[in-house]
Amino acid sequence: MAKSIDVSGVDIFYGSFKAVEDVSMTIEPRSVTAFIGPSGCGKSTVLRTLNRMHEVIPGARVEGKVLLDGEDIYGSQVDPVNVRRTIGMVFQKPNPFPTMSIYDNVVAGLKLAGRTRKAQTDEVVERSLRGANLWEEVKDRLAKPGSSLSGGQQQRLCIARAIAVSPQVLLMDEPCSALDPISTLAIEDLISELKERYTIVIVTHNMQQAARVSDRTGFFNLNGVGQPGRLIEMDDTQKIFSNPSNKRTEDYITGRFG
């Protein structure tokens, strides 16, 4: 069941340095939300706070609230491992486990959770690879290493690995930046299919991609050099790209800066 995320008054720190300031937003279930903006403005940092990946960096901390269907994922009783199971993540560079087979890559998360019955894992592998539009391409070579696949296939394998543990939310940090145009199109088509079952948040430098795949778009920027990143504006994607409310958004989208 896809879930909503409510972010309110979030500040993000690396040690004493405030990287991002006062972010508030609502991310609707079964939708695609894109984060756009120039490099270094906090897009990926905010994305990583949504499943507590940010805090694996020494000295990193978050103030404010991130609610998943009303539950604070930073609550004192909440296990971050469970948060990351519920809110999966796909990274910029395809990162299949290089020494593992395609099959074992998909079930890696299940095995960590102690689910190892072969009949069960067989079913999950096929379902997840079908969900990532990869099954027909790899069904006859599941024992081959994940690293033997092309870049676009590896990224879809990483998506299959993420959905194998049945998350409700998928975070994607520039999932197409290392891919060729054909592989990028395959991932974009897949995102459109996956939003029927998952809540998806994607960081992208490609504004055309944001316009193509997302329902809502958030524009991030800095107030100045050395200043924290901020969410400048968030709205329906069509409005952001045709009639944004903030002049800074308009200047970025029309190429006047950034």
C-alpha atoms as a PDB file:
ATOM      1  CA  MET A   1       0.000   0.000   0.000  1.00  0.00           C
ATOM      2  CA  ALA A   2       1.593   3.255  -1.140  1.00  0.00           C
ATOM      3  CA  LYS A   3       1.941   5.849   1.601  1.00  0.00           C
ATOM      4  CA  SER A   4       2.008   9.621   1.889  1.00  0.00           C
ATOM      5  CA  ILE A   5       4.928  11.586   3.339  1.00  0.00           C
ATOM      6  CA  ASP A   6       4.517  14.852   5.225  1.00  0.00           C
ATOM      7  CA  VAL A   7       7.657  16.910   5.864  1.00  0.00           C
ATOM      8  CA  SER A   8       7.395  19.893   8.211  1.00  0.00           C
ATOM      9  CA  GLY A   9      10.047  22.383   9.295  1.00  0.00           C
ATOM     10  CA  VAL A  10      12.987  20.124   8.460  1.00  0.00           C
ATOM     11  CA  ASP A  11      16.543  21.414   8.942  1.00  0.00           C
ATOM     12  CA  ILE A  12      19.424  19.125   7.952  1.00  0.00           C
ATOM     13  CA  PHE A  13      22.924  19.379   9.404  1.00  0.00           C
ATOM     14  CA  TYR A  14      26.398  17.979   8.786  1.00  0.00           C
ATOM     15  CA  GLY A  15      28.012  18.628  12.155  1.00  0.00           C
ATOM     16  CA  SER A  16      27.535  22.356  12.827  1.00  0.00           C
ATOM     17  CA  PHE A  17      26.907  23.175   9.142  1.00  0.00           C
ATOM     18  CA  LYS A  18      23.255  23.609   8.227  1.00  0.00           C
ATOM     19  CA  ALA A  19      22.933  22.146   4.723  1.00  0.00           C
ATOM     20  CA  VAL A  20      19.176  22.536   4.273  1.00  0.00           C
ATOM     21  CA  GLU A  21      16.739  24.852   6.028  1.00  0.00           C
ATOM     22  CA  ASP A  22      13.013  24.811   6.797  1.00  0.00           C
ATOM     23  CA  VAL A  23      11.690  22.316   4.239  1.00  0.00           C
ATOM     24  CA  SER A  24       7.973  21.536   4.395  1.00  0.00           C
ATOM     25  CA  MET A  25       6.058  19.532   1.792  1.00  0.00           C
ATOM     26  CA  THR A  26       3.452  16.824   1.272  1.00  0.00           C
ATOM     27  CA  ILE A  27       4.162  13.904  -1.053  1.00  0.00           C
ATOM     28  CA  GLU A  28       0.996  12.175  -2.215  1.00  0.00           C
ATOM     29  CA  PRO A  29       0.647   8.375  -2.408  1.00  0.00           C
ATOM     30  CA  ARG A  30       0.847   6.715  -5.836  1.00  0.00           C
ATOM     31  CA  SER A  31       2.399   9.750  -7.488  1.00  0.00           C
ATOM     32  CA  VAL A  32       5.791  10.848  -8.800  1.00  0.00           C
ATOM     33  CA  THR A  33       7.378  13.885  -7.154  1.00  0.00           C
ATOM     34  CA  ALA A  34      10.505  15.374  -8.752  1.00  0.00           C
ATOM     35  CA  PHE A  35      13.132  17.518  -7.018  1.00  0.00           C
ATOM     36  CA  ILE A  36      14.958  19.917  -9.359  1.00  0.00           C
ATOM     37  CA  GLY A  37      17.482  22.712  -8.844  1.00  0.00           C
ATOM     38  CA  PRO A  38      21.182  23.534  -9.289  1.00  0.00           C
ATOM     39  CA  SER A  39      23.938  21.323  -7.865  1.00  0.00           C
ATOM     40  CA  GLY A  40      24.593  21.627  -4.148  1.00  0.00           C
ATOM     41  CA  CYS A  41      21.179  23.009  -3.201  1.00  0.00           C
ATOM     42  CA  GLY A  42      20.100  20.060  -1.041  1.00  0.00           C
ATOM     43  CA  LYS A  43      17.922  17.932  -3.334  1.00  0.00           C
ATOM     44  CA  SER A  44      19.705  14.625  -2.645  1.00  0.00           C
ATOM     45  CA  THR A  45      20.204  15.549   1.012  1.00  0.00           C
ATOM     46  CA  VAL A  46      16.448  16.004   1.457  1.00  0.00           C
ATOM     47  CA  LEU A  47      15.778  12.782  -0.455  1.00  0.00           C
ATOM     48  CA  ARG A  48      18.050  10.846   1.913  1.00  0.00           C
ATOM     49  CA  THR A  49      16.291  12.207   4.984  1.00  0.00           C
ATOM     50  CA  LEU A  50      13.056  10.600   3.758  1.00  0.00           C
ATOM     51  CA  ASN A  51      14.377   7.116   4.651  1.00  0.00           C
ATOM     52  CA  ARG A  52      17.045   8.047   7.213  1.00  0.00           C
ATOM     53  CA  MET A  53      19.929   7.325   4.823  1.00  0.00           C
ATOM     54  CA  HIS A  54      21.275  10.794   5.654  1.00  0.00           C
ATOM     55  CA  GLU A  55      22.182   9.754   9.178  1.00  0.00           C
ATOM     56  CA  VAL A  56      24.641   7.054   8.079  1.00  0.00           C
ATOM     57  CA  ILE A  57      27.062   9.980   7.508  1.00  0.00           C
ATOM     58  CA  PRO A  58      28.983  10.766  10.752  1.00  0.00           C
ATOM     59  CA  GLY A  59      27.790  13.990  12.373  1.00  0.00           C
ATOM     60  CA  ALA A  60      24.643  14.222  10.248  1.00  0.00           C
ATOM     61  CA  ARG A  61      21.354  14.999  11.953  1.00  0.00           C
ATOM     62  CA  VAL A  62      17.822  16.130  11.162  1.00  0.00           C
ATOM     63  CA  GLU A  63      15.518  18.495  13.031  1.00  0.00           C
ATOM     64  CA  GLY A  64      11.797  18.772  12.282  1.00  0.00           C
ATOM     65  CA  LYS A  65       9.301  16.060  11.360  1.00  0.00           C
ATOM     66  CA  VAL A  66       9.066  13.491   8.573  1.00  0.00           C
ATOM     67  CA  LEU A  67       5.759  11.618   8.834  1.00  0.00           C
ATOM     68  CA  LEU A  68       4.975   8.449   6.876  1.00  0.00           C
ATOM     69  CA  ASP A  69       1.172   8.099   6.956  1.00  0.00           C
ATOM     70  CA  GLY A  70       1.220  10.093  10.177  1.00  0.00           C
ATOM     71  CA  GLU A  71       4.058   8.198  11.913  1.00  0.00           C
ATOM     72  CA  ASP A  72       7.286  10.096  12.652  1.00  0.00           C
ATOM     73  CA  ILE A  73      10.067   8.053  11.034  1.00  0.00           C
ATOM     74  CA  TYR A  74      12.562   9.760  13.379  1.00  0.00           C
ATOM     75  CA  GLY A  75      10.609   8.754  16.497  1.00  0.00           C
ATOM     76  CA  SER A  76      12.679   7.295  19.344  1.00  0.00           C
ATOM     77  CA  GLN A  77      11.022   3.855  19.037  1.00  0.00           C
ATOM     78  CA  VAL A  78      11.403   3.605  15.262  1.00  0.00           C
ATOM     79  CA  ASP A  79      13.994   1.202  13.807  1.00  0.00           C
ATOM     80  CA  PRO A  80      15.788   2.881  10.861  1.00  0.00           C
ATOM     81  CA  VAL A  81      16.259  -0.534   9.213  1.00  0.00           C
ATOM     82  CA  ASN A  82      12.477  -0.927   9.036  1.00  0.00           C
ATOM     83  CA  VAL A  83      12.177   2.602   7.665  1.00  0.00           C
ATOM     84  CA  ARG A  84      14.602   1.741   4.837  1.00  0.00           C
ATOM     85  CA  ARG A  85      12.669  -1.442   4.103  1.00  0.00           C
ATOM     86  CA  THR A  86       9.438   0.533   3.801  1.00  0.00           C
ATOM     87  CA  ILE A  87      11.094   3.376   1.862  1.00  0.00           C
ATOM     88  CA  GLY A  88      13.439   1.848  -0.704  1.00  0.00           C
ATOM     89  CA  MET A  89      16.181   3.692  -2.561  1.00  0.00           C
ATOM     90  CA  VAL A  90      17.774   3.529  -6.011  1.00  0.00           C
ATOM     91  CA  PHE A  91      21.041   5.410  -6.442  1.00  0.00           C
ATOM     92  CA  GLN A  92      22.577   7.473  -9.225  1.00  0.00           C
ATOM     93  CA  LYS A  93      25.071   4.821 -10.332  1.00  0.00           C
ATOM     94  CA  PRO A  94      23.742   1.300 -10.825  1.00  0.00           C
ATOM     95  CA  ASN A  95      25.141  -0.700  -7.912  1.00  0.00           C
ATOM     96  CA  PRO A  96      24.303  -4.394  -8.173  1.00  0.00           C
ATOM     97  CA  PHE A  97      26.380  -6.536  -5.824  1.00  0.00           C
ATOM     98  CA  PRO A  98      29.143  -7.491  -8.290  1.00  0.00           C
ATOM     99  CA  THR A  99      29.940 -10.969  -6.970  1.00  0.00           C
ATOM    100  CA  MET A 100      26.285 -11.996  -6.683  1.00  0.00           C
ATOM    101  CA  SER A 101      24.122 -13.550  -9.362  1.00  0.00           C
ATOM    102  CA  ILE A 102      21.130 -11.703 -10.797  1.00  0.00           C
ATOM    103  CA  TYR A 103      18.904 -13.962  -8.672  1.00  0.00           C
ATOM    104  CA  ASP A 104      20.835 -13.317  -5.453  1.00  0.00           C
ATOM    105  CA  ASN A 105      20.890  -9.569  -6.096  1.00  0.00           C
ATOM    106  CA  VAL A 106      17.089  -9.502  -6.150  1.00  0.00           C
ATOM    107  CA  VAL A 107      16.670 -11.559  -2.963  1.00  0.00           C
ATOM    108  CA  ALA A 108      19.486  -9.919  -0.952  1.00  0.00           C
ATOM    109  CA  GLY A 109      17.040  -7.886   1.133  1.00  0.00           C
ATOM    110  CA  LEU A 110      14.775 -10.881   1.723  1.00  0.00           C
ATOM    111  CA  LYS A 111      17.681 -12.937   3.026  1.00  0.00           C
ATOM    112  CA  LEU A 112      18.613 -10.173   5.460  1.00  0.00           C
ATOM    113  CA  ALA A 113      15.035 -10.403   6.734  1.00  0.00           C
ATOM    114  CA  GLY A 114      15.366 -14.178   7.133  1.00  0.00           C
ATOM    115  CA  ARG A 115      13.068 -15.123   4.238  1.00  0.00           C
ATOM    116  CA  THR A 116      15.024 -17.879   2.503  1.00  0.00           C
ATOM    117  CA  ARG A 117      12.531 -20.569   1.378  1.00  0.00           C
ATOM    118  CA  LYS A 118      13.324 -21.223  -2.274  1.00  0.00           C
ATOM    119  CA  ALA A 119       9.712 -21.459  -3.443  1.00  0.00           C
ATOM    120  CA  GLN A 120       9.092 -18.075  -1.884  1.00  0.00           C
ATOM    121  CA  THR A 121      12.258 -16.458  -3.236  1.00  0.00           C
ATOM    122  CA  ASP A 122      11.631 -17.872  -6.729  1.00  0.00           C
ATOM    123  CA  GLU A 123       8.231 -16.187  -6.755  1.00  0.00           C
ATOM    124  CA  VAL A 124       9.643 -12.882  -5.503  1.00  0.00           C
ATOM    125  CA  VAL A 125      12.477 -12.905  -8.065  1.00  0.00           C
ATOM    126  CA  GLU A 126      10.096 -13.363 -10.982  1.00  0.00           C
ATOM    127  CA  ARG A 127       7.571 -10.834  -9.643  1.00  0.00           C
ATOM    128  CA  SER A 128      10.249  -8.213  -8.933  1.00  0.00           C
ATOM    129  CA  LEU A 129      12.037  -8.651 -12.265  1.00  0.00           C
ATOM    130  CA  ARG A 130       8.701  -8.446 -14.070  1.00  0.00           C
ATOM    131  CA  GLY A 131       7.920  -5.330 -12.050  1.00  0.00           C
ATOM    132  CA  ALA A 132      11.216  -3.822 -13.222  1.00  0.00           C
ATOM    133  CA  ASN A 133      10.538  -4.857 -16.856  1.00  0.00           C
ATOM    134  CA  LEU A 134      13.615  -7.083 -16.815  1.00  0.00           C
ATOM    135  CA  TRP A 135      12.275 -10.646 -16.553  1.00  0.00           C
ATOM    136  CA  GLU A 136      12.120 -11.450 -20.272  1.00  0.00           C
ATOM    137  CA  GLU A 137      15.701 -10.228 -20.757  1.00  0.00           C
ATOM    138  CA  VAL A 138      17.285 -12.228 -17.921  1.00  0.00           C
ATOM    139  CA  LYS A 139      15.016 -15.207 -17.107  1.00  0.00           C
ATOM    140  CA  ASP A 140      17.412 -17.667 -18.791  1.00  0.00           C
ATOM    141  CA  ARG A 141      20.556 -16.359 -17.061  1.00  0.00           C
ATOM    142  CA  LEU A 142      19.565 -15.736 -13.452  1.00  0.00           C
ATOM    143  CA  ALA A 143      22.762 -17.443 -12.255  1.00  0.00           C
ATOM    144  CA  LYS A 144      24.980 -14.984 -14.147  1.00  0.00           C
ATOM    145  CA  PRO A 145      26.550 -12.074 -12.182  1.00  0.00           C
ATOM    146  CA  GLY A 146      24.512  -8.877 -11.903  1.00  0.00           C
ATOM    147  CA  SER A 147      27.567  -7.040 -13.152  1.00  0.00           C
ATOM    148  CA  SER A 148      27.299  -8.878 -16.508  1.00  0.00           C
ATOM    149  CA  LEU A 149      24.262  -6.779 -17.454  1.00  0.00           C
ATOM    150  CA  SER A 150      24.316  -3.495 -19.376  1.00  0.00           C
ATOM    151  CA  GLY A 151      24.122  -0.216 -17.428  1.00  0.00           C
ATOM    152  CA  GLY A 152      20.400   0.212 -18.060  1.00  0.00           C
ATOM    153  CA  GLN A 153      19.703  -3.402 -17.127  1.00  0.00           C
ATOM    154  CA  GLN A 154      21.780  -3.028 -13.963  1.00  0.00           C
ATOM    155  CA  GLN A 155      19.703  -0.026 -12.926  1.00  0.00           C
ATOM    156  CA  ARG A 156      16.492  -1.989 -13.511  1.00  0.00           C
ATOM    157  CA  LEU A 157      18.015  -4.838 -11.478  1.00  0.00           C
ATOM    158  CA  CYS A 158      18.579  -2.360  -8.645  1.00  0.00           C
ATOM    159  CA  ILE A 159      14.926  -1.315  -8.924  1.00  0.00           C
ATOM    160  CA  ALA A 160      13.912  -4.999  -8.793  1.00  0.00           C
ATOM    161  CA  ARG A 161      16.069  -5.413  -5.668  1.00  0.00           C
ATOM    162  CA  ALA A 162      14.385  -2.385  -4.096  1.00  0.00           C
ATOM    163  CA  ILE A 163      10.817  -3.581  -4.775  1.00  0.00           C
ATOM    164  CA  ALA A 164      11.527  -7.206  -3.759  1.00  0.00           C
ATOM    165  CA  VAL A 165      11.097  -6.295  -0.070  1.00  0.00           C
ATOM    166  CA  SER A 166       7.656  -4.764  -0.789  1.00  0.00           C
ATOM    167  CA  PRO A 167       8.316  -1.108   0.072  1.00  0.00           C
ATOM    168  CA  GLN A 168       5.578   1.521  -0.014  1.00  0.00           C
ATOM    169  CA  VAL A 169       7.826   4.341  -1.216  1.00  0.00           C
ATOM    170  CA  LEU A 170      10.669   4.397  -3.771  1.00  0.00           C
ATOM    171  CA  LEU A 171      13.318   7.114  -3.697  1.00  0.00           C
ATOM    172  CA  MET A 172      15.440   7.564  -6.834  1.00  0.00           C
ATOM    173  CA  ASP A 173      18.551   9.754  -6.778  1.00  0.00           C
ATOM    174  CA  GLU A 174      19.256  10.704 -10.407  1.00  0.00           C
ATOM    175  CA  PRO A 175      18.578   7.133 -11.569  1.00  0.00           C
ATOM    176  CA  CYS A 176      19.243   7.919 -15.241  1.00  0.00           C
ATOM    177  CA  SER A 177      22.280  10.185 -15.059  1.00  0.00           C
ATOM    178  CA  ALA A 178      24.714   7.361 -15.910  1.00  0.00           C
ATOM    179  CA  LEU A 179      22.529   5.874 -18.660  1.00  0.00           C
ATOM    180  CA  ASP A 180      22.198   6.296 -22.424  1.00  0.00           C
ATOM    181  CA  PRO A 181      18.970   7.778 -23.917  1.00  0.00           C
ATOM    182  CA  ILE A 182      17.371   4.386 -24.704  1.00  0.00           C
ATOM    183  CA  SER A 183      17.999   3.056 -21.194  1.00  0.00           C
ATOM    184  CA  THR A 184      16.753   6.369 -19.772  1.00  0.00           C
ATOM    185  CA  LEU A 185      13.491   5.984 -21.682  1.00  0.00           C
ATOM    186  CA  ALA A 186      13.098   2.448 -20.316  1.00  0.00           C
ATOM    187  CA  ILE A 187      13.525   3.722 -16.738  1.00  0.00           C
ATOM    188  CA  GLU A 188      11.097   6.604 -17.339  1.00  0.00           C
ATOM    189  CA  ASP A 189       8.475   4.198 -18.727  1.00  0.00           C
ATOM    190  CA  LEU A 190       9.044   1.971 -15.707  1.00  0.00           C
ATOM    191  CA  ILE A 191       8.575   4.901 -13.290  1.00  0.00           C
ATOM    192  CA  SER A 192       5.204   5.644 -14.907  1.00  0.00           C
ATOM    193  CA  GLU A 193       4.143   2.021 -14.352  1.00  0.00           C
ATOM    194  CA  LEU A 194       5.501   1.772 -10.803  1.00  0.00           C
ATOM    195  CA  LYS A 195       3.573   4.815  -9.556  1.00  0.00           C
ATOM    196  CA  GLU A 196       0.382   2.742  -9.765  1.00  0.00           C
ATOM    197  CA  ARG A 197       1.730   0.786  -6.776  1.00  0.00           C
ATOM    198  CA  TYR A 198       4.313   3.010  -5.084  1.00  0.00           C
ATOM    199  CA  THR A 199       4.873   6.577  -3.983  1.00  0.00           C
ATOM    200  CA  ILE A 200       7.933   7.738  -5.948  1.00  0.00           C
ATOM    201  CA  VAL A 201      10.305  10.645  -5.311  1.00  0.00           C
ATOM    202  CA  ILE A 202      12.999  11.334  -7.901  1.00  0.00           C
ATOM    203  CA  VAL A 203      15.921  13.769  -7.900  1.00  0.00           C
ATOM    204  CA  THR A 204      16.906  14.800 -11.408  1.00  0.00           C
ATOM    205  CA  HIS A 205      19.123  17.417 -13.075  1.00  0.00           C
ATOM    206  CA  ASN A 206      17.177  16.813 -16.275  1.00  0.00           C
ATOM    207  CA  MET A 207      14.249  19.232 -16.304  1.00  0.00           C
ATOM    208  CA  GLN A 208      12.722  17.580 -19.362  1.00  0.00           C
ATOM    209  CA  GLN A 209      12.719  14.330 -17.424  1.00  0.00           C
ATOM    210  CA  ALA A 210      10.989  15.970 -14.463  1.00  0.00           C
ATOM    211  CA  ALA A 211       8.377  17.397 -16.840  1.00  0.00           C
ATOM    212  CA  ARG A 212       7.841  13.983 -18.463  1.00  0.00           C
ATOM    213  CA  VAL A 213       7.591  11.689 -15.452  1.00  0.00           C
ATOM    214  CA  SER A 214       6.398  13.673 -12.424  1.00  0.00           C
ATOM    215  CA  ASP A 215       3.022  14.799 -11.131  1.00  0.00           C
ATOM    216  CA  ARG A 216       4.481  17.401  -8.766  1.00  0.00           C
ATOM    217  CA  THR A 217       7.831  19.194  -8.793  1.00  0.00           C
ATOM    218  CA  GLY A 218       9.788  20.895  -6.026  1.00  0.00           C
ATOM    219  CA  PHE A 219      12.422  23.493  -6.946  1.00  0.00           C
ATOM    220  CA  PHE A 220      15.365  23.834  -4.536  1.00  0.00           C
ATOM    221  CA  ASN A 221      17.952  26.598  -4.462  1.00  0.00           C
ATOM    222  CA  LEU A 222      20.467  28.380  -2.233  1.00  0.00           C
ATOM    223  CA  ASN A 223      19.917  31.877  -0.856  1.00  0.00           C
ATOM    224  CA  GLY A 224      23.623  32.562  -1.424  1.00  0.00           C
ATOM    225  CA  VAL A 225      27.088  30.996  -1.309  1.00  0.00           C
ATOM    226  CA  GLY A 226      27.534  29.110   1.963  1.00  0.00           C
ATOM    227  CA  GLN A 227      23.817  29.433   2.762  1.00  0.00           C
ATOM    228  CA  PRO A 228      21.556  26.434   3.385  1.00  0.00           C
ATOM    229  CA  GLY A 229      19.486  24.975   0.574  1.00  0.00           C
ATOM    230  CA  ARG A 230      15.768  25.726   0.623  1.00  0.00           C
ATOM    231  CA  LEU A 231      12.622  24.481  -1.066  1.00  0.00           C
ATOM    232  CA  ILE A 232      11.660  27.576  -3.072  1.00  0.00           C
ATOM    233  CA  GLU A 233       8.440  26.306  -4.596  1.00  0.00           C
ATOM    234  CA  MET A 234       6.468  23.085  -4.972  1.00  0.00           C
ATOM    235  CA  ASP A 235       3.403  22.629  -7.150  1.00  0.00           C
ATOM    236  CA  ASP A 236       1.838  20.545  -9.899  1.00  0.00           C
ATOM    237  CA  THR A 237       4.526  19.883 -12.504  1.00  0.00           C
ATOM    238  CA  GLN A 238       2.517  21.462 -15.302  1.00  0.00           C
ATOM    239  CA  LYS A 239       2.210  24.705 -13.311  1.00  0.00           C
ATOM    240  CA  ILE A 240       5.886  24.745 -12.281  1.00  0.00           C
ATOM    241  CA  PHE A 241       6.976  24.481 -15.899  1.00  0.00           C
ATOM    242  CA  SER A 242       4.353  26.784 -17.445  1.00  0.00           C
ATOM    243  CA  ASN A 243       3.489  29.378 -14.806  1.00  0.00           C
ATOM    244  CA  PRO A 244       5.619  29.129 -11.630  1.00  0.00           C
ATOM    245  CA  SER A 245       4.690  31.391  -8.700  1.00  0.00           C
ATOM    246  CA  ASN A 246       8.271  32.327  -7.804  1.00  0.00           C
ATOM    247  CA  LYS A 247      10.529  34.329 -10.120  1.00  0.00           C
ATOM    248  CA  ARG A 248      13.573  32.285  -9.051  1.00  0.00           C
ATOM    249  CA  THR A 249      11.822  29.134 -10.267  1.00  0.00           C
ATOM    250  CA  GLU A 250      11.005  30.807 -13.570  1.00  0.00           C
ATOM    251  CA  ASP A 251      14.600  32.045 -13.993  1.00  0.00           C
ATOM    252  CA  TYR A 252      15.972  28.532 -13.414  1.00  0.00           C
ATOM    253  CA  ILE A 253      13.520  26.785 -15.718  1.00  0.00           C
ATOM    254  CA  THR A 254      14.043  29.308 -18.531  1.00  0.00           C
ATOM    255  CA  GLY A 255      17.827  29.019 -18.211  1.00  0.00           C
ATOM    256  CA  ARG A 256      18.513  32.518 -16.882  1.00  0.00           C
ATOM    257  CA  PHE A 257      20.670  30.983 -14.163  1.00  0.00           C
ATOM    258  CA  GLY A 258      21.844  27.574 -12.932  1.00  0.00           C
END
